[in-house]
Amino acid sequence: MPHVVIDFSDGLETAHDMTRLCSDVFEALILDAEISAPALKVRARPQPFFRIGTEPATFAHATLYLLEGRDDDTKARLSDIVLRAMDGVMPTVGSLSVDVRDMNRAAYAKRLKG
């Protein structure tokens, strides 16, 4: 916890380095005191089926999942951090967006091996 899931237009991985995207988002977030590097997970996945508006376009959308309890200012700051990291790797993508979601602390389950 936290998790960042980046969905993107299928095919963007041929023109954009998705490994770098994940790394840049990770590195940008851990500079913030709210985020613990050992707990952060970032992944990106292509979406082969989509439609955006009325014109052909490309997209990347990140969802940042956080355990509940952060205020709106913190969520906005973290959202901006993710958006800037995405824009640094994918400046030509038609639509970049970020959403922050609260995860229910009581319902979140996790197992670490070790």
PDB file of N, CA and C in Angstrom:
ATOM      1  N   MET A   1       0.851  -1.155   0.000  1.00  0.00           N
ATOM      2  CA  MET A   1       0.000   0.000   0.000  1.00  0.00           C
ATOM      3  C   MET A   1       0.898   1.219   0.000  1.00  0.00           C
ATOM      4  N   PRO A   2       0.783   2.215  -0.738  1.00  0.00           N
ATOM      5  CA  PRO A   2      -0.232   2.476  -1.755  1.00  0.00           C
ATOM      6  C   PRO A   2       0.044   1.764  -3.080  1.00  0.00           C
ATOM      7  N   HIS A   3      -0.955   1.790  -3.924  1.00  0.00           N
ATOM      8  CA  HIS A   3      -0.852   1.208  -5.261  1.00  0.00           C
ATOM      9  C   HIS A   3      -1.101   2.296  -6.302  1.00  0.00           C
ATOM     10  N   VAL A   4      -0.368   2.230  -7.411  1.00  0.00           N
ATOM     11  CA  VAL A   4      -0.654   3.065  -8.573  1.00  0.00           C
ATOM     12  C   VAL A   4      -0.857   2.120  -9.748  1.00  0.00           C
ATOM     13  N   VAL A   5      -2.012   2.202 -10.376  1.00  0.00           N
ATOM     14  CA  VAL A   5      -2.319   1.393 -11.552  1.00  0.00           C
ATOM     15  C   VAL A   5      -2.505   2.358 -12.717  1.00  0.00           C
ATOM     16  N   ILE A   6      -1.690   2.186 -13.748  1.00  0.00           N
ATOM     17  CA  ILE A   6      -1.753   3.066 -14.913  1.00  0.00           C
ATOM     18  C   ILE A   6      -2.287   2.269 -16.096  1.00  0.00           C
ATOM     19  N   ASP A   7      -3.479   2.624 -16.540  1.00  0.00           N
ATOM     20  CA  ASP A   7      -4.057   2.040 -17.750  1.00  0.00           C
ATOM     21  C   ASP A   7      -3.705   2.956 -18.909  1.00  0.00           C
ATOM     22  N   PHE A   8      -3.357   2.356 -20.056  1.00  0.00           N
ATOM     23  CA  PHE A   8      -2.969   3.175 -21.205  1.00  0.00           C
ATOM     24  C   PHE A   8      -3.442   2.543 -22.505  1.00  0.00           C
ATOM     25  N   SER A   9      -3.581   3.373 -23.528  1.00  0.00           N
ATOM     26  CA  SER A   9      -3.986   2.909 -24.855  1.00  0.00           C
ATOM     27  C   SER A   9      -3.028   1.835 -25.340  1.00  0.00           C
ATOM     28  N   ASP A  10      -3.586   0.711 -25.752  1.00  0.00           N
ATOM     29  CA  ASP A  10      -2.765  -0.359 -26.310  1.00  0.00           C
ATOM     30  C   ASP A  10      -1.924   0.199 -27.457  1.00  0.00           C
ATOM     31  N   GLY A  11      -0.651  -0.110 -27.465  1.00  0.00           N
ATOM     32  CA  GLY A  11       0.255   0.360 -28.501  1.00  0.00           C
ATOM     33  C   GLY A  11       1.176   1.478 -28.035  1.00  0.00           C
ATOM     34  N   LEU A  12       0.795   2.181 -26.967  1.00  0.00           N
ATOM     35  CA  LEU A  12       1.663   3.258 -26.472  1.00  0.00           C
ATOM     36  C   LEU A  12       3.025   2.738 -26.029  1.00  0.00           C
ATOM     37  N   GLU A  13       3.062   1.477 -25.640  1.00  0.00           N
ATOM     38  CA  GLU A  13       4.334   0.908 -25.168  1.00  0.00           C
ATOM     39  C   GLU A  13       5.373   0.810 -26.279  1.00  0.00           C
ATOM     40  N   THR A  14       4.957   0.924 -27.529  1.00  0.00           N
ATOM     41  CA  THR A  14       5.938   0.897 -28.622  1.00  0.00           C
ATOM     42  C   THR A  14       6.661   2.232 -28.762  1.00  0.00           C
ATOM     43  N   ALA A  15       6.023   3.312 -28.341  1.00  0.00           N
ATOM     44  CA  ALA A  15       6.625   4.646 -28.465  1.00  0.00           C
ATOM     45  C   ALA A  15       7.053   5.242 -27.124  1.00  0.00           C
ATOM     46  N   HIS A  16       6.617   4.624 -26.020  1.00  0.00           N
ATOM     47  CA  HIS A  16       6.910   5.158 -24.689  1.00  0.00           C
ATOM     48  C   HIS A  16       7.435   4.035 -23.802  1.00  0.00           C
ATOM     49  N   ASP A  17       8.401   4.350 -22.985  1.00  0.00           N
ATOM     50  CA  ASP A  17       9.050   3.378 -22.109  1.00  0.00           C
ATOM     51  C   ASP A  17       8.217   3.195 -20.841  1.00  0.00           C
ATOM     52  N   MET A  18       7.450   2.121 -20.783  1.00  0.00           N
ATOM     53  CA  MET A  18       6.565   1.887 -19.648  1.00  0.00           C
ATOM     54  C   MET A  18       7.336   1.502 -18.386  1.00  0.00           C
ATOM     55  N   THR A  19       8.492   0.876 -18.535  1.00  0.00           N
ATOM     56  CA  THR A  19       9.328   0.596 -17.369  1.00  0.00           C
ATOM     57  C   THR A  19       9.795   1.910 -16.751  1.00  0.00           C
ATOM     58  N   ARG A  20      10.210   2.835 -17.589  1.00  0.00           N
ATOM     59  CA  ARG A  20      10.615   4.161 -17.099  1.00  0.00           C
ATOM     60  C   ARG A  20       9.426   4.883 -16.469  1.00  0.00           C
ATOM     61  N   LEU A  21       8.249   4.760 -17.085  1.00  0.00           N
ATOM     62  CA  LEU A  21       7.053   5.383 -16.526  1.00  0.00           C
ATOM     63  C   LEU A  21       6.828   4.911 -15.093  1.00  0.00           C
ATOM     64  N   CYS A  22       6.847   3.603 -14.895  1.00  0.00           N
ATOM     65  CA  CYS A  22       6.641   3.056 -13.552  1.00  0.00           C
ATOM     66  C   CYS A  22       7.720   3.544 -12.592  1.00  0.00           C
ATOM     67  N   SER A  23       8.951   3.541 -13.050  1.00  0.00           N
ATOM     68  CA  SER A  23      10.066   3.990 -12.218  1.00  0.00           C
ATOM     69  C   SER A  23       9.956   5.475 -11.876  1.00  0.00           C
ATOM     70  N   ASP A  24       9.636   6.300 -12.864  1.00  0.00           N
ATOM     71  CA  ASP A  24       9.535   7.746 -12.621  1.00  0.00           C
ATOM     72  C   ASP A  24       8.391   8.080 -11.662  1.00  0.00           C
ATOM     73  N   VAL A  25       7.258   7.408 -11.812  1.00  0.00           N
ATOM     74  CA  VAL A  25       6.142   7.624 -10.891  1.00  0.00           C
ATOM     75  C   VAL A  25       6.553   7.195  -9.482  1.00  0.00           C
ATOM     76  N   PHE A  26       7.188   6.044  -9.377  1.00  0.00           N
ATOM     77  CA  PHE A  26       7.653   5.540  -8.086  1.00  0.00           C
ATOM     78  C   PHE A  26       8.604   6.537  -7.431  1.00  0.00           C
ATOM     79  N   GLU A  27       9.635   6.933  -8.169  1.00  0.00           N
ATOM     80  CA  GLU A  27      10.661   7.832  -7.619  1.00  0.00           C
ATOM     81  C   GLU A  27      10.081   9.189  -7.237  1.00  0.00           C
ATOM     82  N   ALA A  28       9.138   9.689  -8.013  1.00  0.00           N
ATOM     83  CA  ALA A  28       8.518  10.978  -7.691  1.00  0.00           C
ATOM     84  C   ALA A  28       7.679  10.885  -6.417  1.00  0.00           C
ATOM     85  N   LEU A  29       6.934   9.797  -6.274  1.00  0.00           N
ATOM     86  CA  LEU A  29       6.071   9.664  -5.104  1.00  0.00           C
ATOM     87  C   LEU A  29       6.852   9.473  -3.809  1.00  0.00           C
ATOM     88  N   ILE A  30       7.948   8.735  -3.850  1.00  0.00           N
ATOM     89  CA  ILE A  30       8.654   8.475  -2.590  1.00  0.00           C
ATOM     90  C   ILE A  30       9.368   9.709  -2.049  1.00  0.00           C
ATOM     91  N   LEU A  31       9.435  10.767  -2.841  1.00  0.00           N
ATOM     92  CA  LEU A  31       9.988  12.024  -2.331  1.00  0.00           C
ATOM     93  C   LEU A  31       9.006  12.727  -1.396  1.00  0.00           C
ATOM     94  N   ASP A  32       7.748  12.305  -1.418  1.00  0.00           N
ATOM     95  CA  ASP A  32       6.729  12.884  -0.552  1.00  0.00           C
ATOM     96  C   ASP A  32       6.680  12.109   0.765  1.00  0.00           C
ATOM     97  N   ALA A  33       6.564  12.824   1.867  1.00  0.00           N
ATOM     98  CA  ALA A  33       6.565  12.200   3.196  1.00  0.00           C
ATOM     99  C   ALA A  33       5.389  11.249   3.413  1.00  0.00           C
ATOM    100  N   GLU A  34       4.325  11.386   2.636  1.00  0.00           N
ATOM    101  CA  GLU A  34       3.152  10.520   2.790  1.00  0.00           C
ATOM    102  C   GLU A  34       3.386   9.102   2.274  1.00  0.00           C
ATOM    103  N   ILE A  35       4.398   8.915   1.447  1.00  0.00           N
ATOM    104  CA  ILE A  35       4.582   7.646   0.741  1.00  0.00           C
ATOM    105  C   ILE A  35       5.819   6.919   1.259  1.00  0.00           C
ATOM    106  N   SER A  36       5.641   5.653   1.580  1.00  0.00           N
ATOM    107  CA  SER A  36       6.732   4.796   2.038  1.00  0.00           C
ATOM    108  C   SER A  36       7.208   3.922   0.874  1.00  0.00           C
ATOM    109  N   ALA A  37       8.480   4.040   0.526  1.00  0.00           N
ATOM    110  CA  ALA A  37       9.016   3.289  -0.618  1.00  0.00           C
ATOM    111  C   ALA A  37       8.790   1.780  -0.506  1.00  0.00           C
ATOM    112  N   PRO A  38       9.036   1.158   0.653  1.00  0.00           N
ATOM    113  CA  PRO A  38       8.839  -0.297   0.717  1.00  0.00           C
ATOM    114  C   PRO A  38       7.390  -0.739   0.487  1.00  0.00           C
ATOM    115  N   ALA A  39       6.448   0.154   0.703  1.00  0.00           N
ATOM    116  CA  ALA A  39       5.033  -0.205   0.559  1.00  0.00           C
ATOM    117  C   ALA A  39       4.451   0.147  -0.806  1.00  0.00           C
ATOM    118  N   LEU A  40       5.139   0.973  -1.578  1.00  0.00           N
ATOM    119  CA  LEU A  40       4.599   1.474  -2.844  1.00  0.00           C
ATOM    120  C   LEU A  40       4.702   0.434  -3.960  1.00  0.00           C
ATOM    121  N   LYS A  41       3.623   0.317  -4.724  1.00  0.00           N
ATOM    122  CA  LYS A  41       3.583  -0.590  -5.876  1.00  0.00           C
ATOM    123  C   LYS A  41       3.045   0.188  -7.070  1.00  0.00           C
ATOM    124  N   VAL A  42       3.762   0.147  -8.190  1.00  0.00           N
ATOM    125  CA  VAL A  42       3.343   0.846  -9.407  1.00  0.00           C
ATOM    126  C   VAL A  42       3.316  -0.163 -10.546  1.00  0.00           C
ATOM    127  N   ARG A  43       2.238  -0.174 -11.299  1.00  0.00           N
ATOM    128  CA  ARG A  43       2.154  -1.068 -12.453  1.00  0.00           C
ATOM    129  C   ARG A  43       1.406  -0.372 -13.581  1.00  0.00           C
ATOM    130  N   ALA A  44       1.688  -0.802 -14.798  1.00  0.00           N
ATOM    131  CA  ALA A  44       1.044  -0.231 -15.984  1.00  0.00           C
ATOM    132  C   ALA A  44       0.509  -1.371 -16.836  1.00  0.00           C
ATOM    133  N   ARG A  45      -0.646  -1.149 -17.423  1.00  0.00           N
ATOM    134  CA  ARG A  45      -1.255  -2.206 -18.233  1.00  0.00           C
ATOM    135  C   ARG A  45      -1.961  -1.605 -19.443  1.00  0.00           C
ATOM    136  N   PRO A  46      -1.752  -2.224 -20.599  1.00  0.00           N
ATOM    137  CA  PRO A  46      -2.393  -1.731 -21.820  1.00  0.00           C
ATOM    138  C   PRO A  46      -3.880  -2.074 -21.835  1.00  0.00           C
ATOM    139  N   GLN A  47      -4.640  -1.207 -22.455  1.00  0.00           N
ATOM    140  CA  GLN A  47      -6.076  -1.424 -22.628  1.00  0.00           C
ATOM    141  C   GLN A  47      -6.367  -1.498 -24.125  1.00  0.00           C
ATOM    142  N   PRO A  48      -6.643  -2.701 -24.645  1.00  0.00           N
ATOM    143  CA  PRO A  48      -6.835  -2.843 -26.087  1.00  0.00           C
ATOM    144  C   PRO A  48      -8.178  -2.305 -26.588  1.00  0.00           C
ATOM    145  N   PHE A  49      -9.150  -2.179 -25.719  1.00  0.00           N
ATOM    146  CA  PHE A  49     -10.488  -1.754 -26.146  1.00  0.00           C
ATOM    147  C   PHE A  49     -10.870  -0.476 -25.417  1.00  0.00           C
ATOM    148  N   PHE A  50     -11.064   0.593 -26.161  1.00  0.00           N
ATOM    149  CA  PHE A  50     -11.414   1.873 -25.549  1.00  0.00           C
ATOM    150  C   PHE A  50     -11.974   2.811 -26.607  1.00  0.00           C
ATOM    151  N   ARG A  51     -12.624   3.847 -26.138  1.00  0.00           N
ATOM    152  CA  ARG A  51     -13.053   4.940 -27.009  1.00  0.00           C
ATOM    153  C   ARG A  51     -12.951   6.220 -26.199  1.00  0.00           C
ATOM    154  N   ILE A  52     -12.404   7.255 -26.823  1.00  0.00           N
ATOM    155  CA  ILE A  52     -12.236   8.538 -26.151  1.00  0.00           C
ATOM    156  C   ILE A  52     -12.900   9.610 -26.998  1.00  0.00           C
ATOM    157  N   GLY A  53     -13.949  10.194 -26.493  1.00  0.00           N
ATOM    158  CA  GLY A  53     -14.599  11.299 -27.195  1.00  0.00           C
ATOM    159  C   GLY A  53     -14.998  10.944 -28.615  1.00  0.00           C
ATOM    160  N   THR A  54     -14.865  11.924 -29.513  1.00  0.00           N
ATOM    161  CA  THR A  54     -15.293  11.737 -30.898  1.00  0.00           C
ATOM    162  C   THR A  54     -14.138  11.625 -31.878  1.00  0.00           C
ATOM    163  N   GLU A  55     -12.925  11.895 -31.427  1.00  0.00           N
ATOM    164  CA  GLU A  55     -11.750  11.837 -32.298  1.00  0.00           C
ATOM    165  C   GLU A  55     -10.830  10.707 -31.843  1.00  0.00           C
ATOM    166  N   PRO A  56     -10.129  10.076 -32.770  1.00  0.00           N
ATOM    167  CA  PRO A  56      -9.136   9.084 -32.353  1.00  0.00           C
ATOM    168  C   PRO A  56      -8.112   9.750 -31.429  1.00  0.00           C
ATOM    169  N   ALA A  57      -7.816   9.097 -30.332  1.00  0.00           N
ATOM    170  CA  ALA A  57      -6.895   9.683 -29.358  1.00  0.00           C
ATOM    171  C   ALA A  57      -6.221   8.590 -28.550  1.00  0.00           C
ATOM    172  N   THR A  58      -5.177   8.966 -27.867  1.00  0.00           N
ATOM    173  CA  THR A  58      -4.487   8.064 -26.954  1.00  0.00           C
ATOM    174  C   THR A  58      -4.696   8.571 -25.532  1.00  0.00           C
ATOM    175  N   PHE A  59      -4.534   7.661 -24.575  1.00  0.00           N
ATOM    176  CA  PHE A  59      -4.729   8.057 -23.185  1.00  0.00           C
ATOM    177  C   PHE A  59      -3.821   7.259 -22.265  1.00  0.00           C
ATOM    178  N   ALA A  60      -3.604   7.817 -21.097  1.00  0.00           N
ATOM    179  CA  ALA A  60      -3.049   7.089 -19.960  1.00  0.00           C
ATOM    180  C   ALA A  60      -3.754   7.642 -18.732  1.00  0.00           C
ATOM    181  N   HIS A  61      -4.267   6.742 -17.924  1.00  0.00           N
ATOM    182  CA  HIS A  61      -4.982   7.148 -16.711  1.00  0.00           C
ATOM    183  C   HIS A  61      -4.405   6.388 -15.531  1.00  0.00           C
ATOM    184  N   ALA A  62      -3.995   7.119 -14.511  1.00  0.00           N
ATOM    185  CA  ALA A  62      -3.460   6.502 -13.299  1.00  0.00           C
ATOM    186  C   ALA A  62      -4.493   6.581 -12.188  1.00  0.00           C
ATOM    187  N   THR A  63      -4.640   5.485 -11.474  1.00  0.00           N
ATOM    188  CA  THR A  63      -5.440   5.476 -10.260  1.00  0.00           C
ATOM    189  C   THR A  63      -4.489   5.219  -9.103  1.00  0.00           C
ATOM    190  N   LEU A  64      -4.476   6.143  -8.153  1.00  0.00           N
ATOM    191  CA  LEU A  64      -3.650   6.028  -6.955  1.00  0.00           C
ATOM    192  C   LEU A  64      -4.555   5.577  -5.822  1.00  0.00           C
ATOM    193  N   TYR A  65      -4.283   4.393  -5.301  1.00  0.00           N
ATOM    194  CA  TYR A  65      -5.067   3.833  -4.202  1.00  0.00           C
ATOM    195  C   TYR A  65      -4.314   4.065  -2.901  1.00  0.00           C
ATOM    196  N   LEU A  66      -4.975   4.721  -1.954  1.00  0.00           N
ATOM    197  CA  LEU A  66      -4.395   5.029  -0.651  1.00  0.00           C
ATOM    198  C   LEU A  66      -5.322   4.519   0.443  1.00  0.00           C
ATOM    199  N   LEU A  67      -4.746   4.083   1.561  1.00  0.00           N
ATOM    200  CA  LEU A  67      -5.596   3.785   2.701  1.00  0.00           C
ATOM    201  C   LEU A  67      -6.289   5.067   3.130  1.00  0.00           C
ATOM    202  N   GLU A  68      -7.546   4.954   3.492  1.00  0.00           N
ATOM    203  CA  GLU A  68      -8.346   6.122   3.848  1.00  0.00           C
ATOM    204  C   GLU A  68      -7.699   6.924   4.974  1.00  0.00           C
ATOM    205  N   GLY A  69      -8.010   8.216   4.986  1.00  0.00           N
ATOM    206  CA  GLY A  69      -7.539   9.061   6.071  1.00  0.00           C
ATOM    207  C   GLY A  69      -6.758  10.288   5.636  1.00  0.00           C
ATOM    208  N   ARG A  70      -6.373  10.362   4.368  1.00  0.00           N
ATOM    209  CA  ARG A  70      -5.640  11.546   3.908  1.00  0.00           C
ATOM    210  C   ARG A  70      -6.617  12.650   3.525  1.00  0.00           C
ATOM    211  N   ASP A  71      -6.199  13.890   3.775  1.00  0.00           N
ATOM    212  CA  ASP A  71      -7.067  15.020   3.447  1.00  0.00           C
ATOM    213  C   ASP A  71      -6.998  15.338   1.952  1.00  0.00           C
ATOM    214  N   ASP A  72      -7.908  16.194   1.514  1.00  0.00           N
ATOM    215  CA  ASP A  72      -8.010  16.524   0.089  1.00  0.00           C
ATOM    216  C   ASP A  72      -6.754  17.203  -0.440  1.00  0.00           C
ATOM    217  N   ASP A  73      -6.120  18.050   0.360  1.00  0.00           N
ATOM    218  CA  ASP A  73      -4.893  18.717  -0.087  1.00  0.00           C
ATOM    219  C   ASP A  73      -3.784  17.708  -0.359  1.00  0.00           C
ATOM    220  N   THR A  74      -3.660  16.718   0.503  1.00  0.00           N
ATOM    221  CA  THR A  74      -2.650  15.673   0.309  1.00  0.00           C
ATOM    222  C   THR A  74      -2.950  14.881  -0.954  1.00  0.00           C
ATOM    223  N   LYS A  75      -4.202  14.510  -1.146  1.00  0.00           N
ATOM    224  CA  LYS A  75      -4.590  13.757  -2.341  1.00  0.00           C
ATOM    225  C   LYS A  75      -4.316  14.561  -3.604  1.00  0.00           C
ATOM    226  N   ALA A  76      -4.618  15.852  -3.573  1.00  0.00           N
ATOM    227  CA  ALA A  76      -4.371  16.708  -4.741  1.00  0.00           C
ATOM    228  C   ALA A  76      -2.875  16.805  -5.026  1.00  0.00           C
ATOM    229  N   ARG A  77      -2.066  16.935  -3.988  1.00  0.00           N
ATOM    230  CA  ARG A  77      -0.611  17.012  -4.166  1.00  0.00           C
ATOM    231  C   ARG A  77      -0.064  15.727  -4.779  1.00  0.00           C
ATOM    232  N   LEU A  78      -0.496  14.587  -4.268  1.00  0.00           N
ATOM    233  CA  LEU A  78      -0.025  13.305  -4.787  1.00  0.00           C
ATOM    234  C   LEU A  78      -0.501  13.086  -6.221  1.00  0.00           C
ATOM    235  N   SER A  79      -1.722  13.488  -6.514  1.00  0.00           N
ATOM    236  CA  SER A  79      -2.248  13.386  -7.876  1.00  0.00           C
ATOM    237  C   SER A  79      -1.397  14.202  -8.840  1.00  0.00           C
ATOM    238  N   ASP A  80      -1.035  15.407  -8.443  1.00  0.00           N
ATOM    239  CA  ASP A  80      -0.203  16.271  -9.282  1.00  0.00           C
ATOM    240  C   ASP A  80       1.186  15.669  -9.495  1.00  0.00           C
ATOM    241  N   ILE A  81       1.734  15.052  -8.467  1.00  0.00           N
ATOM    242  CA  ILE A  81       3.045  14.398  -8.588  1.00  0.00           C
ATOM    243  C   ILE A  81       2.986  13.303  -9.653  1.00  0.00           C
ATOM    244  N   VAL A  82       1.950  12.483  -9.596  1.00  0.00           N
ATOM    245  CA  VAL A  82       1.802  11.395 -10.569  1.00  0.00           C
ATOM    246  C   VAL A  82       1.608  11.961 -11.974  1.00  0.00           C
ATOM    247  N   LEU A  83       0.760  12.974 -12.115  1.00  0.00           N
ATOM    248  CA  LEU A  83       0.507  13.557 -13.434  1.00  0.00           C
ATOM    249  C   LEU A  83       1.782  14.139 -14.043  1.00  0.00           C
ATOM    250  N   ARG A  84       2.577  14.840 -13.257  1.00  0.00           N
ATOM    251  CA  ARG A  84       3.818  15.419 -13.781  1.00  0.00           C
ATOM    252  C   ARG A  84       4.797  14.326 -14.207  1.00  0.00           C
ATOM    253  N   ALA A  85       4.873  13.239 -13.436  1.00  0.00           N
ATOM    254  CA  ALA A  85       5.762  12.132 -13.812  1.00  0.00           C
ATOM    255  C   ALA A  85       5.293  11.481 -15.109  1.00  0.00           C
ATOM    256  N   MET A  86       3.994  11.296 -15.260  1.00  0.00           N
ATOM    257  CA  MET A  86       3.452  10.720 -16.492  1.00  0.00           C
ATOM    258  C   MET A  86       3.746  11.618 -17.687  1.00  0.00           C
ATOM    259  N   ASP A  87       3.543  12.920 -17.520  1.00  0.00           N
ATOM    260  CA  ASP A  87       3.767  13.865 -18.612  1.00  0.00           C
ATOM    261  C   ASP A  87       5.237  13.896 -19.018  1.00  0.00           C
ATOM    262  N   GLY A  88       6.133  13.669 -18.082  1.00  0.00           N
ATOM    263  CA  GLY A  88       7.555  13.639 -18.401  1.00  0.00           C
ATOM    264  C   GLY A  88       7.942  12.482 -19.303  1.00  0.00           C
ATOM    265  N   VAL A  89       7.230  11.379 -19.198  1.00  0.00           N
ATOM    266  CA  VAL A  89       7.528  10.192 -20.005  1.00  0.00           C
ATOM    267  C   VAL A  89       6.672  10.149 -21.269  1.00  0.00           C
ATOM    268  N   MET A  90       5.458  10.684 -21.202  1.00  0.00           N
ATOM    269  CA  MET A  90       4.502  10.572 -22.306  1.00  0.00           C
ATOM    270  C   MET A  90       3.946  11.937 -22.713  1.00  0.00           C
ATOM    271  N   PRO A  91       4.782  12.872 -23.115  1.00  0.00           N
ATOM    272  CA  PRO A  91       4.300  14.221 -23.418  1.00  0.00           C
ATOM    273  C   PRO A  91       3.398  14.305 -24.651  1.00  0.00           C
ATOM    274  N   THR A  92       3.426  13.306 -25.516  1.00  0.00           N
ATOM    275  CA  THR A  92       2.627  13.352 -26.744  1.00  0.00           C
ATOM    276  C   THR A  92       1.291  12.626 -26.628  1.00  0.00           C
ATOM    277  N   VAL A  93       1.035  11.995 -25.489  1.00  0.00           N
ATOM    278  CA  VAL A  93      -0.221  11.263 -25.309  1.00  0.00           C
ATOM    279  C   VAL A  93      -1.373  12.263 -25.210  1.00  0.00           C
ATOM    280  N   GLY A  94      -2.466  11.956 -25.890  1.00  0.00           N
ATOM    281  CA  GLY A  94      -3.583  12.889 -25.994  1.00  0.00           C
ATOM    282  C   GLY A  94      -4.243  13.256 -24.680  1.00  0.00           C
ATOM    283  N   SER A  95      -4.424  12.291 -23.785  1.00  0.00           N
ATOM    284  CA  SER A  95      -5.116  12.550 -22.524  1.00  0.00           C
ATOM    285  C   SER A  95      -4.379  11.848 -21.392  1.00  0.00           C
ATOM    286  N   LEU A  96      -3.921  12.618 -20.425  1.00  0.00           N
ATOM    287  CA  LEU A  96      -3.325  12.076 -19.207  1.00  0.00           C
ATOM    288  C   LEU A  96      -4.220  12.478 -18.044  1.00  0.00           C
ATOM    289  N   SER A  97      -4.513  11.537 -17.168  1.00  0.00           N
ATOM    290  CA  SER A  97      -5.362  11.854 -16.018  1.00  0.00           C
ATOM    291  C   SER A  97      -4.974  10.992 -14.824  1.00  0.00           C
ATOM    292  N   VAL A  98      -5.354  11.473 -13.643  1.00  0.00           N
ATOM    293  CA  VAL A  98      -5.059  10.775 -12.390  1.00  0.00           C
ATOM    294  C   VAL A  98      -6.284  10.867 -11.489  1.00  0.00           C
ATOM    295  N   ASP A  99      -6.581   9.777 -10.834  1.00  0.00           N
ATOM    296  CA  ASP A  99      -7.666   9.718  -9.863  1.00  0.00           C
ATOM    297  C   ASP A  99      -7.093   9.144  -8.575  1.00  0.00           C
ATOM    298  N   VAL A 100      -7.528   9.641  -7.437  1.00  0.00           N
ATOM    299  CA  VAL A 100      -7.087   9.121  -6.142  1.00  0.00           C
ATOM    300  C   VAL A 100      -8.288   8.478  -5.469  1.00  0.00           C
ATOM    301  N   ARG A 101      -8.096   7.247  -5.023  1.00  0.00           N
ATOM    302  CA  ARG A 101      -9.176   6.490  -4.386  1.00  0.00           C
ATOM    303  C   ARG A 101      -8.778   6.085  -2.974  1.00  0.00           C
ATOM    304  N   ASP A 102      -9.736   6.178  -2.072  1.00  0.00           N
ATOM    305  CA  ASP A 102      -9.531   5.698  -0.707  1.00  0.00           C
ATOM    306  C   ASP A 102      -9.824   4.205  -0.642  1.00  0.00           C
ATOM    307  N   MET A 103      -8.978   3.499   0.071  1.00  0.00           N
ATOM    308  CA  MET A 103      -9.210   2.083   0.336  1.00  0.00           C
ATOM    309  C   MET A 103      -9.667   1.950   1.786  1.00  0.00           C
ATOM    310  N   ASN A 104     -10.672   1.138   2.003  1.00  0.00           N
ATOM    311  CA  ASN A 104     -11.202   0.922   3.340  1.00  0.00           C
ATOM    312  C   ASN A 104     -10.168   0.186   4.188  1.00  0.00           C
ATOM    313  N   ARG A 105      -9.684   0.850   5.215  1.00  0.00           N
ATOM    314  CA  ARG A 105      -8.637   0.290   6.077  1.00  0.00           C
ATOM    315  C   ARG A 105      -9.085  -1.029   6.712  1.00  0.00           C
ATOM    316  N   ALA A 106     -10.342  -1.106   7.122  1.00  0.00           N
ATOM    317  CA  ALA A 106     -10.844  -2.308   7.784  1.00  0.00           C
ATOM    318  C   ALA A 106     -10.944  -3.491   6.831  1.00  0.00           C
ATOM    319  N   ALA A 107     -11.145  -3.228   5.547  1.00  0.00           N
ATOM    320  CA  ALA A 107     -11.344  -4.303   4.575  1.00  0.00           C
ATOM    321  C   ALA A 107     -10.085  -4.658   3.797  1.00  0.00           C
ATOM    322  N   TYR A 108      -9.045  -3.831   3.864  1.00  0.00           N
ATOM    323  CA  TYR A 108      -7.823  -4.091   3.099  1.00  0.00           C
ATOM    324  C   TYR A 108      -7.064  -5.249   3.730  1.00  0.00           C
ATOM    325  N   ALA A 109      -6.699  -6.226   2.918  1.00  0.00           N
ATOM    326  CA  ALA A 109      -5.953  -7.389   3.395  1.00  0.00           C
ATOM    327  C   ALA A 109      -4.655  -7.502   2.610  1.00  0.00           C
ATOM    328  N   LYS A 110      -3.618  -7.993   3.272  1.00  0.00           N
ATOM    329  CA  LYS A 110      -2.306  -8.074   2.630  1.00  0.00           C
ATOM    330  C   LYS A 110      -1.498  -9.173   3.302  1.00  0.00           C
ATOM    331  N   ARG A 111      -0.663  -9.864   2.499  1.00  0.00           N
ATOM    332  CA  ARG A 111       0.252 -10.849   3.031  1.00  0.00           C
ATOM    333  C   ARG A 111       1.603 -10.608   2.415  1.00  0.00           C
ATOM    334  N   LEU A 112       2.641 -10.547   3.235  1.00  0.00           N
ATOM    335  CA  LEU A 112       4.010 -10.427   2.750  1.00  0.00           C
ATOM    336  C   LEU A 112       4.759 -11.708   3.074  1.00  0.00           C
ATOM    337  N   LYS A 113       5.481 -12.209   2.111  1.00  0.00           N
ATOM    338  CA  LYS A 113       6.269 -13.414   2.340  1.00  0.00           C
ATOM    339  C   LYS A 113       7.542 -13.030   3.083  1.00  0.00           C
ATOM    340  N   GLY A 114       7.909 -13.832   4.039  1.00  0.00           N
ATOM    341  CA  GLY A 114       9.172 -13.546   4.698  1.00  0.00           C
ATOM    342  C   GLY A 114       9.090 -13.772   6.122  1.00  0.00           C
TER     343      GLY A 114
END
